[in-house]
Amino acid sequence: MSDPSTAPTDRVRPGPDAHRWRRRLRARRWSAVVSVARAVLIAVGLVTAYYLLPLDKSGTAGGLALLVCGLAAVLLVFWWEVRVIARSPHPRLKAVEALAATLVLFLVLFAGAYYLLDRSTPGSFSEPLTRTDALYFTLTTFSTVGYGDLTAHSQTGRVLTMLQIVGGLLLVSIAVRVLASAVQTGLRRQRREPSAQPRSGTDAGTPDREAGP
C-alpha cells in the first residue's frame, strides 16, 4: 500500500516530459526571434548597400552587367536557401528568412538597374530618378499598384520594367511553391528522425527482459 503523504507531492511535481516541453517551447521562441531579426538585418543590409554602392560611376555596360550578375545571384541564393530549408530543424522559419532575402535582393537589383539606366540615358523615365525614386518605382511595379507618377519612356526602360513584372510573377508563384515544398520536406525529415532513434528507458530494456529465463 502506498504512502498517502507522498501522493500529493507526486501529482504536483512536474515530470521530465513537462521540462522537455518547456525547453522546446523556449527554443522555438528563441529561434523565431533570431530568424525574424536575421531577416530584418538582411533586408536592411541590402537596402543600405543599394544606397552606398557607387552606382553613379557605372554606365550602360555596368548596368547590364549588374542586372545579369544580380539575377544569377538571386537564383544561387534561392537554390542555396531551398537546400538549407530542407535540412533545417526549423524549416518554416528558414523559409520566411529565405523569402525575405530573395525578395529584397530582387527588388534592390531592379532599383539599381533603373537608376543606372536613367543616369546613362537621361529621359528614360518621366522624370529624373534618385535612388529613392528608383526603389519607389520598383516597389509600385512589383505590387502592381502603378500610381502613374513615374513611368518608363524609353524602349529599354519599358523592356526592363516588363522583365521585372515577369520576374515578380515567377517569384510569387513558383518560388513560393518551391519554398513550401522544401518546408514539407524538412518537416517529413523531422518526423522520420525520432522514429529512427533508440527508445528510452523501459522500451530499450524490453529485449533484455524477453531474453531472460
N, C-alpha and C. Protein backbone atom coordinates (compact mmCIF):
# COMPACT_ATOMS: atom_id res chain seq x y z
N MET A 1 0.85 -1.19 0.00
CA MET A 1 0.00 0.00 0.00
C MET A 1 0.89 1.23 0.00
N SER A 2 0.63 2.20 -0.85
CA SER A 2 1.49 3.37 -0.98
C SER A 2 1.24 4.36 0.14
N ASP A 3 2.25 5.14 0.42
CA ASP A 3 2.18 6.15 1.47
C ASP A 3 1.34 7.32 0.98
N PRO A 4 0.22 7.64 1.68
CA PRO A 4 -0.65 8.72 1.19
C PRO A 4 0.01 10.07 1.24
N SER A 5 1.03 10.25 2.10
CA SER A 5 1.66 11.56 2.22
C SER A 5 2.48 11.93 0.99
N THR A 6 2.86 10.93 0.20
CA THR A 6 3.67 11.21 -0.98
C THR A 6 2.84 11.42 -2.23
N ALA A 7 1.54 11.07 -2.20
CA ALA A 7 0.70 11.18 -3.38
C ALA A 7 0.54 12.61 -3.87
N PRO A 8 0.22 13.59 -2.97
CA PRO A 8 0.07 14.96 -3.46
C PRO A 8 1.36 15.49 -4.06
N THR A 9 2.50 15.11 -3.47
CA THR A 9 3.77 15.60 -4.00
C THR A 9 4.01 15.10 -5.41
N ASP A 10 3.64 13.83 -5.67
CA ASP A 10 3.84 13.27 -6.99
C ASP A 10 2.95 13.95 -8.02
N ARG A 11 1.73 14.34 -7.60
CA ARG A 11 0.82 14.98 -8.55
C ARG A 11 1.28 16.39 -8.89
N VAL A 12 1.89 17.10 -7.93
CA VAL A 12 2.30 18.49 -8.14
C VAL A 12 3.62 18.56 -8.89
N ARG A 13 4.53 17.62 -8.58
CA ARG A 13 5.85 17.67 -9.17
C ARG A 13 5.77 17.42 -10.67
N PRO A 14 6.31 18.34 -11.47
CA PRO A 14 6.27 18.13 -12.92
C PRO A 14 7.20 17.02 -13.35
N GLY A 15 6.80 16.28 -14.35
CA GLY A 15 7.61 15.19 -14.85
C GLY A 15 8.64 15.66 -15.85
N PRO A 16 9.48 14.73 -16.31
CA PRO A 16 10.51 15.10 -17.29
C PRO A 16 9.93 15.56 -18.62
N ASP A 17 8.74 15.06 -18.98
CA ASP A 17 8.12 15.49 -20.23
C ASP A 17 7.77 16.97 -20.20
N ALA A 18 7.30 17.43 -19.03
CA ALA A 18 6.95 18.85 -18.90
C ALA A 18 8.18 19.73 -19.04
N HIS A 19 9.31 19.29 -18.46
CA HIS A 19 10.55 20.06 -18.58
C HIS A 19 11.02 20.09 -20.03
N ARG A 20 10.95 18.96 -20.71
CA ARG A 20 11.36 18.93 -22.10
C ARG A 20 10.46 19.80 -22.97
N TRP A 21 9.16 19.79 -22.65
CA TRP A 21 8.23 20.61 -23.42
C TRP A 21 8.53 22.09 -23.23
N ARG A 22 8.85 22.50 -22.00
CA ARG A 22 9.19 23.91 -21.76
C ARG A 22 10.48 24.30 -22.47
N ARG A 23 11.46 23.40 -22.44
CA ARG A 23 12.72 23.71 -23.12
C ARG A 23 12.51 23.84 -24.62
N ARG A 24 11.70 22.95 -25.19
CA ARG A 24 11.44 23.04 -26.62
C ARG A 24 10.68 24.31 -26.97
N LEU A 25 9.72 24.71 -26.11
CA LEU A 25 8.96 25.91 -26.36
C LEU A 25 9.87 27.15 -26.32
N ARG A 26 10.77 27.19 -25.32
CA ARG A 26 11.70 28.32 -25.24
C ARG A 26 12.64 28.33 -26.44
N ALA A 27 13.09 27.14 -26.88
CA ALA A 27 13.98 27.07 -28.03
C ALA A 27 13.28 27.54 -29.30
N ARG A 28 12.00 27.17 -29.46
CA ARG A 28 11.27 27.59 -30.65
C ARG A 28 11.04 29.09 -30.65
N ARG A 29 10.73 29.66 -29.50
CA ARG A 29 10.53 31.10 -29.42
C ARG A 29 11.83 31.84 -29.74
N TRP A 30 12.92 31.35 -29.19
CA TRP A 30 14.21 31.98 -29.46
C TRP A 30 14.58 31.85 -30.94
N SER A 31 14.33 30.71 -31.54
CA SER A 31 14.61 30.53 -32.96
C SER A 31 13.77 31.47 -33.81
N ALA A 32 12.50 31.67 -33.40
CA ALA A 32 11.66 32.60 -34.16
C ALA A 32 12.19 34.02 -34.07
N VAL A 33 12.61 34.44 -32.88
CA VAL A 33 13.16 35.78 -32.72
C VAL A 33 14.43 35.95 -33.55
N VAL A 34 15.30 34.94 -33.52
CA VAL A 34 16.55 35.01 -34.28
C VAL A 34 16.27 35.07 -35.78
N SER A 35 15.32 34.27 -36.26
CA SER A 35 15.01 34.25 -37.69
C SER A 35 14.43 35.59 -38.15
N VAL A 36 13.53 36.15 -37.37
CA VAL A 36 12.95 37.45 -37.73
C VAL A 36 14.03 38.54 -37.71
N ALA A 37 14.87 38.52 -36.68
CA ALA A 37 15.95 39.51 -36.60
C ALA A 37 16.92 39.36 -37.77
N ARG A 38 17.23 38.12 -38.15
CA ARG A 38 18.14 37.90 -39.26
C ARG A 38 17.53 38.38 -40.58
N ALA A 39 16.22 38.13 -40.77
CA ALA A 39 15.56 38.59 -41.99
C ALA A 39 15.56 40.12 -42.07
N VAL A 40 15.30 40.78 -40.94
CA VAL A 40 15.32 42.24 -40.91
C VAL A 40 16.71 42.77 -41.20
N LEU A 41 17.73 42.15 -40.62
CA LEU A 41 19.11 42.59 -40.85
C LEU A 41 19.51 42.40 -42.31
N ILE A 42 19.09 41.29 -42.91
CA ILE A 42 19.40 41.08 -44.32
C ILE A 42 18.75 42.15 -45.20
N ALA A 43 17.48 42.46 -44.92
CA ALA A 43 16.79 43.49 -45.70
C ALA A 43 17.45 44.85 -45.52
N VAL A 44 17.76 45.20 -44.28
CA VAL A 44 18.41 46.49 -44.01
C VAL A 44 19.78 46.55 -44.67
N GLY A 45 20.53 45.45 -44.60
CA GLY A 45 21.85 45.42 -45.20
C GLY A 45 21.81 45.59 -46.71
N LEU A 46 20.85 44.93 -47.38
CA LEU A 46 20.75 45.05 -48.83
C LEU A 46 20.34 46.46 -49.25
N VAL A 47 19.39 47.04 -48.54
CA VAL A 47 18.96 48.40 -48.88
C VAL A 47 20.08 49.40 -48.60
N THR A 48 20.81 49.20 -47.51
CA THR A 48 21.95 50.08 -47.20
C THR A 48 23.02 49.98 -48.28
N ALA A 49 23.31 48.76 -48.72
CA ALA A 49 24.29 48.59 -49.79
C ALA A 49 23.82 49.27 -51.08
N TYR A 50 22.53 49.22 -51.34
CA TYR A 50 21.98 49.88 -52.53
C TYR A 50 22.24 51.38 -52.50
N TYR A 51 22.11 51.99 -51.33
CA TYR A 51 22.33 53.43 -51.22
C TYR A 51 23.81 53.81 -51.15
N LEU A 52 24.66 52.88 -50.75
CA LEU A 52 26.07 53.22 -50.56
C LEU A 52 26.96 52.84 -51.75
N LEU A 53 26.55 51.88 -52.56
CA LEU A 53 27.39 51.47 -53.69
C LEU A 53 27.55 52.62 -54.69
N PRO A 54 28.75 52.78 -55.27
CA PRO A 54 28.98 53.87 -56.23
C PRO A 54 28.37 53.58 -57.60
N LEU A 55 27.06 53.59 -57.67
CA LEU A 55 26.39 53.29 -58.94
C LEU A 55 26.53 54.41 -59.95
N ASP A 56 26.81 55.64 -59.49
CA ASP A 56 26.90 56.77 -60.42
C ASP A 56 28.06 56.62 -61.40
N LYS A 57 29.07 55.82 -61.04
CA LYS A 57 30.24 55.67 -61.90
C LYS A 57 30.06 54.59 -62.95
N SER A 58 28.94 53.91 -62.94
CA SER A 58 28.69 52.84 -63.91
C SER A 58 27.90 53.37 -65.09
N GLY A 59 28.22 52.86 -66.27
CA GLY A 59 27.50 53.25 -67.46
C GLY A 59 26.49 52.20 -67.86
N THR A 60 26.13 52.19 -69.14
CA THR A 60 25.15 51.23 -69.63
C THR A 60 25.66 49.80 -69.51
N ALA A 61 26.94 49.62 -69.86
CA ALA A 61 27.53 48.28 -69.75
C ALA A 61 27.55 47.82 -68.30
N GLY A 62 27.86 48.74 -67.39
CA GLY A 62 27.85 48.38 -65.97
C GLY A 62 26.47 48.03 -65.48
N GLY A 63 25.46 48.73 -65.97
CA GLY A 63 24.09 48.42 -65.58
C GLY A 63 23.65 47.06 -66.08
N LEU A 64 24.04 46.73 -67.33
CA LEU A 64 23.70 45.42 -67.87
C LEU A 64 24.41 44.31 -67.10
N ALA A 65 25.67 44.53 -66.78
CA ALA A 65 26.42 43.53 -66.00
C ALA A 65 25.82 43.36 -64.62
N LEU A 66 25.41 44.48 -64.00
CA LEU A 66 24.78 44.41 -62.68
C LEU A 66 23.50 43.60 -62.74
N LEU A 67 22.70 43.80 -63.77
CA LEU A 67 21.43 43.08 -63.89
C LEU A 67 21.66 41.59 -64.08
N VAL A 68 22.57 41.23 -64.98
CA VAL A 68 22.82 39.81 -65.26
C VAL A 68 23.41 39.11 -64.04
N CYS A 69 24.43 39.73 -63.44
CA CYS A 69 25.06 39.13 -62.25
C CYS A 69 24.08 39.09 -61.08
N GLY A 70 23.26 40.10 -60.97
CA GLY A 70 22.29 40.13 -59.89
C GLY A 70 21.24 39.04 -60.02
N LEU A 71 20.74 38.82 -61.24
CA LEU A 71 19.77 37.75 -61.45
C LEU A 71 20.38 36.39 -61.16
N ALA A 72 21.65 36.21 -61.58
CA ALA A 72 22.33 34.97 -61.26
C ALA A 72 22.49 34.80 -59.75
N ALA A 73 22.77 35.91 -59.05
CA ALA A 73 22.90 35.84 -57.59
C ALA A 73 21.57 35.49 -56.94
N VAL A 74 20.47 36.02 -57.46
CA VAL A 74 19.15 35.69 -56.92
C VAL A 74 18.87 34.20 -57.05
N LEU A 75 19.18 33.63 -58.21
CA LEU A 75 18.96 32.19 -58.42
C LEU A 75 19.84 31.35 -57.51
N LEU A 76 21.11 31.74 -57.35
CA LEU A 76 22.01 30.98 -56.49
C LEU A 76 21.58 31.06 -55.03
N VAL A 77 21.22 32.26 -54.58
CA VAL A 77 20.78 32.41 -53.20
C VAL A 77 19.51 31.60 -52.96
N PHE A 78 18.59 31.64 -53.91
CA PHE A 78 17.34 30.89 -53.74
C PHE A 78 17.60 29.39 -53.70
N TRP A 79 18.46 28.90 -54.59
CA TRP A 79 18.78 27.46 -54.62
C TRP A 79 19.44 27.04 -53.31
N TRP A 80 20.35 27.85 -52.81
CA TRP A 80 21.03 27.52 -51.56
C TRP A 80 20.05 27.53 -50.39
N GLU A 81 19.14 28.50 -50.36
CA GLU A 81 18.16 28.59 -49.27
C GLU A 81 17.22 27.38 -49.28
N VAL A 82 16.84 26.91 -50.45
CA VAL A 82 15.97 25.73 -50.53
C VAL A 82 16.64 24.52 -49.90
N ARG A 83 17.93 24.34 -50.17
CA ARG A 83 18.66 23.22 -49.58
C ARG A 83 18.77 23.37 -48.07
N VAL A 84 18.97 24.58 -47.59
CA VAL A 84 19.08 24.82 -46.15
C VAL A 84 17.75 24.55 -45.47
N ILE A 85 16.65 24.95 -46.10
CA ILE A 85 15.32 24.75 -45.51
C ILE A 85 15.05 23.26 -45.32
N ALA A 86 15.37 22.45 -46.31
CA ALA A 86 15.08 21.02 -46.24
C ALA A 86 15.86 20.34 -45.12
N ARG A 87 16.99 20.90 -44.70
CA ARG A 87 17.82 20.29 -43.66
C ARG A 87 17.72 21.01 -42.32
N SER A 88 16.99 22.09 -42.26
CA SER A 88 16.94 22.90 -41.05
C SER A 88 16.00 22.28 -40.01
N PRO A 89 16.31 22.41 -38.70
CA PRO A 89 15.38 21.95 -37.68
C PRO A 89 14.14 22.83 -37.57
N HIS A 90 14.19 24.03 -38.17
CA HIS A 90 13.03 24.94 -38.17
C HIS A 90 12.77 25.37 -39.60
N PRO A 91 12.21 24.49 -40.43
CA PRO A 91 12.05 24.81 -41.86
C PRO A 91 11.13 25.99 -42.14
N ARG A 92 10.08 26.17 -41.34
CA ARG A 92 9.16 27.28 -41.58
C ARG A 92 9.85 28.62 -41.37
N LEU A 93 10.62 28.72 -40.30
CA LEU A 93 11.33 29.96 -40.02
C LEU A 93 12.38 30.25 -41.10
N LYS A 94 13.07 29.21 -41.53
CA LYS A 94 14.07 29.40 -42.58
C LYS A 94 13.42 29.81 -43.89
N ALA A 95 12.21 29.33 -44.15
CA ALA A 95 11.51 29.70 -45.37
C ALA A 95 11.16 31.19 -45.37
N VAL A 96 10.71 31.69 -44.22
CA VAL A 96 10.42 33.13 -44.11
C VAL A 96 11.69 33.95 -44.34
N GLU A 97 12.78 33.51 -43.74
CA GLU A 97 14.05 34.19 -43.92
C GLU A 97 14.51 34.15 -45.38
N ALA A 98 14.36 33.00 -46.02
CA ALA A 98 14.78 32.86 -47.41
C ALA A 98 13.94 33.74 -48.33
N LEU A 99 12.63 33.78 -48.09
CA LEU A 99 11.76 34.60 -48.93
C LEU A 99 12.09 36.07 -48.78
N ALA A 100 12.39 36.51 -47.54
CA ALA A 100 12.75 37.90 -47.31
C ALA A 100 14.03 38.26 -48.03
N ALA A 101 15.04 37.40 -47.94
CA ALA A 101 16.33 37.68 -48.58
C ALA A 101 16.18 37.71 -50.10
N THR A 102 15.47 36.73 -50.66
CA THR A 102 15.31 36.66 -52.12
C THR A 102 14.50 37.84 -52.64
N LEU A 103 13.42 38.19 -51.95
CA LEU A 103 12.56 39.27 -52.41
C LEU A 103 13.27 40.62 -52.36
N VAL A 104 13.94 40.91 -51.25
CA VAL A 104 14.64 42.19 -51.12
C VAL A 104 15.78 42.29 -52.13
N LEU A 105 16.52 41.20 -52.33
CA LEU A 105 17.59 41.21 -53.32
C LEU A 105 17.04 41.46 -54.72
N PHE A 106 15.91 40.85 -55.04
CA PHE A 106 15.27 41.05 -56.34
C PHE A 106 14.87 42.51 -56.54
N LEU A 107 14.25 43.11 -55.54
CA LEU A 107 13.79 44.50 -55.65
C LEU A 107 14.95 45.48 -55.73
N VAL A 108 15.96 45.28 -54.91
CA VAL A 108 17.12 46.17 -54.92
C VAL A 108 17.86 46.07 -56.25
N LEU A 109 17.91 44.87 -56.80
CA LEU A 109 18.58 44.68 -58.08
C LEU A 109 17.92 45.52 -59.17
N PHE A 110 16.60 45.45 -59.29
CA PHE A 110 15.93 46.21 -60.34
C PHE A 110 15.93 47.71 -60.04
N ALA A 111 15.90 48.09 -58.79
CA ALA A 111 16.02 49.52 -58.46
C ALA A 111 17.36 50.07 -58.93
N GLY A 112 18.43 49.30 -58.69
CA GLY A 112 19.74 49.72 -59.17
C GLY A 112 19.80 49.79 -60.69
N ALA A 113 19.16 48.83 -61.36
CA ALA A 113 19.15 48.84 -62.83
C ALA A 113 18.40 50.05 -63.37
N TYR A 114 17.26 50.41 -62.76
CA TYR A 114 16.51 51.60 -63.19
C TYR A 114 17.35 52.86 -62.97
N TYR A 115 17.99 52.94 -61.84
CA TYR A 115 18.80 54.11 -61.53
C TYR A 115 19.95 54.26 -62.52
N LEU A 116 20.63 53.17 -62.85
CA LEU A 116 21.73 53.22 -63.80
C LEU A 116 21.24 53.57 -65.19
N LEU A 117 20.10 53.04 -65.58
CA LEU A 117 19.55 53.37 -66.89
C LEU A 117 19.23 54.85 -67.01
N ASP A 118 18.67 55.43 -65.98
CA ASP A 118 18.34 56.86 -66.02
C ASP A 118 19.61 57.71 -66.03
N ARG A 119 20.66 57.25 -65.35
CA ARG A 119 21.92 58.01 -65.34
C ARG A 119 22.62 57.93 -66.69
N SER A 120 22.63 56.76 -67.29
CA SER A 120 23.33 56.59 -68.56
C SER A 120 22.53 57.12 -69.75
N THR A 121 21.19 57.05 -69.66
CA THR A 121 20.33 57.52 -70.75
C THR A 121 19.26 58.43 -70.17
N PRO A 122 19.56 59.71 -70.01
CA PRO A 122 18.56 60.63 -69.45
C PRO A 122 17.30 60.67 -70.32
N GLY A 123 16.16 60.80 -69.66
CA GLY A 123 14.88 60.82 -70.36
C GLY A 123 14.25 59.45 -70.49
N SER A 124 14.87 58.42 -69.90
CA SER A 124 14.29 57.08 -69.97
C SER A 124 13.01 56.97 -69.16
N PHE A 125 12.85 57.88 -68.20
CA PHE A 125 11.64 57.88 -67.36
C PHE A 125 11.00 59.26 -67.41
N SER A 126 9.81 59.35 -66.87
CA SER A 126 9.06 60.60 -66.95
C SER A 126 9.72 61.74 -66.19
N GLU A 127 10.61 61.44 -65.28
CA GLU A 127 11.38 62.44 -64.55
C GLU A 127 12.68 61.81 -64.08
N PRO A 128 13.71 62.63 -63.81
CA PRO A 128 14.98 62.07 -63.34
C PRO A 128 14.79 61.29 -62.04
N LEU A 129 15.49 60.17 -61.94
CA LEU A 129 15.33 59.28 -60.79
C LEU A 129 16.47 59.46 -59.79
N THR A 130 16.10 59.62 -58.54
CA THR A 130 17.05 59.43 -57.47
C THR A 130 17.02 57.95 -57.07
N ARG A 131 17.88 57.58 -56.15
CA ARG A 131 17.86 56.17 -55.71
C ARG A 131 16.53 55.83 -55.04
N THR A 132 16.00 56.78 -54.29
CA THR A 132 14.70 56.55 -53.65
C THR A 132 13.59 56.45 -54.70
N ASP A 133 13.66 57.29 -55.73
CA ASP A 133 12.66 57.22 -56.80
C ASP A 133 12.72 55.86 -57.51
N ALA A 134 13.94 55.38 -57.76
CA ALA A 134 14.09 54.09 -58.44
C ALA A 134 13.53 52.96 -57.58
N LEU A 135 13.79 53.00 -56.28
CA LEU A 135 13.24 51.97 -55.39
C LEU A 135 11.72 52.08 -55.30
N TYR A 136 11.21 53.31 -55.29
CA TYR A 136 9.77 53.54 -55.26
C TYR A 136 9.11 52.98 -56.52
N PHE A 137 9.72 53.24 -57.68
CA PHE A 137 9.18 52.73 -58.94
C PHE A 137 9.21 51.21 -58.96
N THR A 138 10.28 50.62 -58.41
CA THR A 138 10.38 49.15 -58.35
C THR A 138 9.28 48.56 -57.49
N LEU A 139 9.04 49.15 -56.34
CA LEU A 139 8.01 48.63 -55.43
C LEU A 139 6.60 48.78 -56.02
N THR A 140 6.33 49.91 -56.65
CA THR A 140 5.00 50.08 -57.25
C THR A 140 4.79 49.13 -58.43
N THR A 141 5.85 48.85 -59.17
CA THR A 141 5.74 47.89 -60.28
C THR A 141 5.53 46.48 -59.75
N PHE A 142 6.28 46.12 -58.70
CA PHE A 142 6.15 44.77 -58.15
C PHE A 142 4.78 44.55 -57.54
N SER A 143 4.26 45.55 -56.86
CA SER A 143 2.95 45.41 -56.21
C SER A 143 1.79 45.62 -57.18
N THR A 144 2.09 45.93 -58.44
CA THR A 144 1.09 46.18 -59.49
C THR A 144 0.15 47.33 -59.12
N VAL A 145 0.62 48.24 -58.27
CA VAL A 145 -0.20 49.41 -57.94
C VAL A 145 -0.20 50.38 -59.10
N GLY A 146 1.00 50.76 -59.57
CA GLY A 146 1.11 51.62 -60.74
C GLY A 146 0.45 52.97 -60.58
N TYR A 147 1.00 53.81 -59.72
CA TYR A 147 0.39 55.13 -59.47
C TYR A 147 0.36 55.99 -60.74
N GLY A 148 1.34 55.83 -61.62
CA GLY A 148 1.37 56.61 -62.85
C GLY A 148 2.17 57.88 -62.76
N ASP A 149 2.69 58.23 -61.56
CA ASP A 149 3.50 59.43 -61.43
C ASP A 149 4.90 59.23 -62.00
N LEU A 150 5.39 57.98 -62.03
CA LEU A 150 6.65 57.63 -62.65
C LEU A 150 6.39 56.56 -63.70
N THR A 151 6.81 56.82 -64.92
CA THR A 151 6.61 55.86 -66.00
C THR A 151 7.88 55.75 -66.82
N ALA A 152 8.05 54.62 -67.47
CA ALA A 152 9.19 54.40 -68.35
C ALA A 152 8.87 54.93 -69.74
N HIS A 153 9.73 55.81 -70.27
CA HIS A 153 9.51 56.41 -71.58
C HIS A 153 10.30 55.71 -72.68
N SER A 154 11.54 55.32 -72.39
CA SER A 154 12.38 54.70 -73.40
C SER A 154 12.01 53.24 -73.59
N GLN A 155 12.40 52.70 -74.74
CA GLN A 155 12.14 51.29 -75.01
C GLN A 155 12.92 50.40 -74.04
N THR A 156 14.15 50.78 -73.72
CA THR A 156 14.95 50.00 -72.79
C THR A 156 14.30 49.98 -71.41
N GLY A 157 13.81 51.13 -70.98
CA GLY A 157 13.14 51.20 -69.68
C GLY A 157 11.89 50.34 -69.63
N ARG A 158 11.13 50.32 -70.72
CA ARG A 158 9.92 49.51 -70.75
C ARG A 158 10.24 48.01 -70.79
N VAL A 159 11.29 47.65 -71.53
CA VAL A 159 11.71 46.24 -71.54
C VAL A 159 12.15 45.81 -70.15
N LEU A 160 12.93 46.68 -69.48
CA LEU A 160 13.38 46.37 -68.13
C LEU A 160 12.21 46.24 -67.17
N THR A 161 11.20 47.10 -67.33
CA THR A 161 10.01 47.01 -66.48
C THR A 161 9.25 45.71 -66.74
N MET A 162 9.15 45.31 -68.00
CA MET A 162 8.47 44.05 -68.30
C MET A 162 9.23 42.86 -67.72
N LEU A 163 10.56 42.93 -67.75
CA LEU A 163 11.35 41.86 -67.14
C LEU A 163 11.07 41.77 -65.64
N GLN A 164 10.95 42.92 -65.00
CA GLN A 164 10.64 42.89 -63.56
C GLN A 164 9.26 42.32 -63.30
N ILE A 165 8.30 42.68 -64.13
CA ILE A 165 6.94 42.16 -63.94
C ILE A 165 6.92 40.64 -64.08
N VAL A 166 7.57 40.13 -65.13
CA VAL A 166 7.61 38.68 -65.33
C VAL A 166 8.36 38.01 -64.18
N GLY A 167 9.50 38.59 -63.79
CA GLY A 167 10.26 38.02 -62.68
C GLY A 167 9.49 38.04 -61.38
N GLY A 168 8.72 39.12 -61.14
CA GLY A 168 7.91 39.18 -59.93
C GLY A 168 6.82 38.13 -59.92
N LEU A 169 6.19 37.90 -61.07
CA LEU A 169 5.16 36.85 -61.14
C LEU A 169 5.76 35.47 -60.89
N LEU A 170 6.94 35.23 -61.45
CA LEU A 170 7.60 33.95 -61.21
C LEU A 170 7.99 33.81 -59.74
N LEU A 171 8.46 34.90 -59.14
CA LEU A 171 8.87 34.85 -57.74
C LEU A 171 7.69 34.55 -56.83
N VAL A 172 6.54 35.15 -57.13
CA VAL A 172 5.37 34.94 -56.28
C VAL A 172 4.77 33.55 -56.48
N SER A 173 4.72 33.08 -57.72
CA SER A 173 4.05 31.81 -58.00
C SER A 173 4.96 30.61 -57.79
N ILE A 174 6.07 30.57 -58.53
CA ILE A 174 6.93 29.38 -58.49
C ILE A 174 7.76 29.33 -57.23
N ALA A 175 8.40 30.45 -56.86
CA ALA A 175 9.31 30.44 -55.71
C ALA A 175 8.58 30.08 -54.42
N VAL A 176 7.39 30.61 -54.23
CA VAL A 176 6.64 30.31 -53.01
C VAL A 176 6.29 28.82 -52.95
N ARG A 177 5.94 28.24 -54.09
CA ARG A 177 5.64 26.80 -54.12
C ARG A 177 6.87 25.97 -53.83
N VAL A 178 8.01 26.37 -54.37
CA VAL A 178 9.24 25.63 -54.11
C VAL A 178 9.61 25.72 -52.64
N LEU A 179 9.48 26.89 -52.05
CA LEU A 179 9.77 27.03 -50.62
C LEU A 179 8.81 26.20 -49.78
N ALA A 180 7.53 26.19 -50.15
CA ALA A 180 6.57 25.37 -49.41
C ALA A 180 6.91 23.88 -49.52
N SER A 181 7.35 23.44 -50.69
CA SER A 181 7.76 22.05 -50.86
C SER A 181 8.99 21.74 -50.01
N ALA A 182 9.93 22.69 -49.94
CA ALA A 182 11.12 22.48 -49.10
C ALA A 182 10.74 22.40 -47.63
N VAL A 183 9.77 23.21 -47.21
CA VAL A 183 9.30 23.15 -45.82
C VAL A 183 8.70 21.79 -45.52
N GLN A 184 7.87 21.27 -46.43
CA GLN A 184 7.27 19.96 -46.22
C GLN A 184 8.33 18.87 -46.17
N THR A 185 9.36 18.99 -47.00
CA THR A 185 10.46 18.01 -46.96
C THR A 185 11.17 18.05 -45.62
N GLY A 186 11.41 19.25 -45.10
CA GLY A 186 12.05 19.37 -43.79
C GLY A 186 11.20 18.81 -42.66
N LEU A 187 9.89 19.03 -42.73
CA LEU A 187 9.01 18.50 -41.70
C LEU A 187 8.93 16.98 -41.75
N ARG A 188 8.90 16.41 -42.95
CA ARG A 188 8.89 14.95 -43.06
C ARG A 188 10.20 14.36 -42.54
N ARG A 189 11.30 15.02 -42.79
CA ARG A 189 12.58 14.53 -42.28
C ARG A 189 12.60 14.57 -40.76
N GLN A 190 12.02 15.60 -40.16
CA GLN A 190 11.95 15.67 -38.70
C GLN A 190 11.10 14.56 -38.12
N ARG A 191 9.99 14.22 -38.80
CA ARG A 191 9.14 13.15 -38.28
C ARG A 191 9.80 11.79 -38.40
N ARG A 192 10.66 11.61 -39.40
CA ARG A 192 11.34 10.34 -39.55
C ARG A 192 12.49 10.16 -38.58
N GLU A 193 13.16 11.22 -38.20
CA GLU A 193 14.35 11.10 -37.36
C GLU A 193 14.06 10.55 -35.97
N PRO A 194 13.00 11.01 -35.24
CA PRO A 194 12.75 10.42 -33.91
C PRO A 194 12.47 8.93 -33.96
N SER A 195 11.78 8.45 -35.01
CA SER A 195 11.47 7.02 -35.08
C SER A 195 12.71 6.19 -35.32
N ALA A 196 13.76 6.81 -35.89
CA ALA A 196 15.00 6.07 -36.14
C ALA A 196 15.90 6.01 -34.92
N GLN A 197 15.65 6.86 -33.90
CA GLN A 197 16.47 6.89 -32.71
C GLN A 197 16.02 5.79 -31.75
N PRO A 198 16.93 5.28 -30.89
CA PRO A 198 16.55 4.24 -29.93
C PRO A 198 15.58 4.78 -28.90
N ARG A 199 14.67 3.95 -28.49
CA ARG A 199 13.68 4.35 -27.50
C ARG A 199 14.31 4.42 -26.13
N SER A 200 13.66 5.14 -25.22
CA SER A 200 14.23 5.39 -23.91
C SER A 200 13.78 4.35 -22.90
N GLY A 201 14.56 4.26 -21.82
CA GLY A 201 14.22 3.55 -20.59
C GLY A 201 13.59 2.21 -20.75
N THR A 202 12.27 2.16 -20.51
CA THR A 202 11.53 0.91 -20.44
C THR A 202 11.53 0.18 -21.76
N ASP A 203 11.34 0.94 -22.89
CA ASP A 203 11.28 0.27 -24.19
C ASP A 203 12.62 -0.31 -24.57
N ALA A 204 13.71 0.41 -24.23
CA ALA A 204 15.03 -0.08 -24.60
C ALA A 204 15.38 -1.35 -23.85
N GLY A 205 14.79 -1.54 -22.65
CA GLY A 205 15.13 -2.71 -21.87
C GLY A 205 14.25 -3.91 -22.14
N THR A 206 13.26 -3.76 -22.99
CA THR A 206 12.33 -4.84 -23.24
C THR A 206 13.00 -6.06 -23.83
N PRO A 207 13.92 -5.92 -24.86
CA PRO A 207 14.54 -7.13 -25.41
C PRO A 207 15.34 -7.89 -24.38
N ASP A 208 15.97 -7.20 -23.40
CA ASP A 208 16.75 -7.89 -22.40
C ASP A 208 15.87 -8.74 -21.49
N ARG A 209 14.70 -8.17 -21.16
CA ARG A 209 13.78 -8.93 -20.29
C ARG A 209 13.23 -10.14 -21.03
N GLU A 210 12.97 -9.94 -22.33
CA GLU A 210 12.42 -11.08 -23.07
C GLU A 210 13.45 -12.17 -23.26
N ALA A 211 14.73 -11.79 -23.29
CA ALA A 211 15.77 -12.78 -23.50
C ALA A 211 16.06 -13.58 -22.24
N GLY A 212 15.57 -13.10 -21.09
CA GLY A 212 15.84 -13.77 -19.83
C GLY A 212 15.04 -15.03 -19.68
N PRO A 213 15.37 -15.85 -18.69
CA PRO A 213 14.63 -17.12 -18.48
C PRO A 213 13.23 -16.86 -18.01
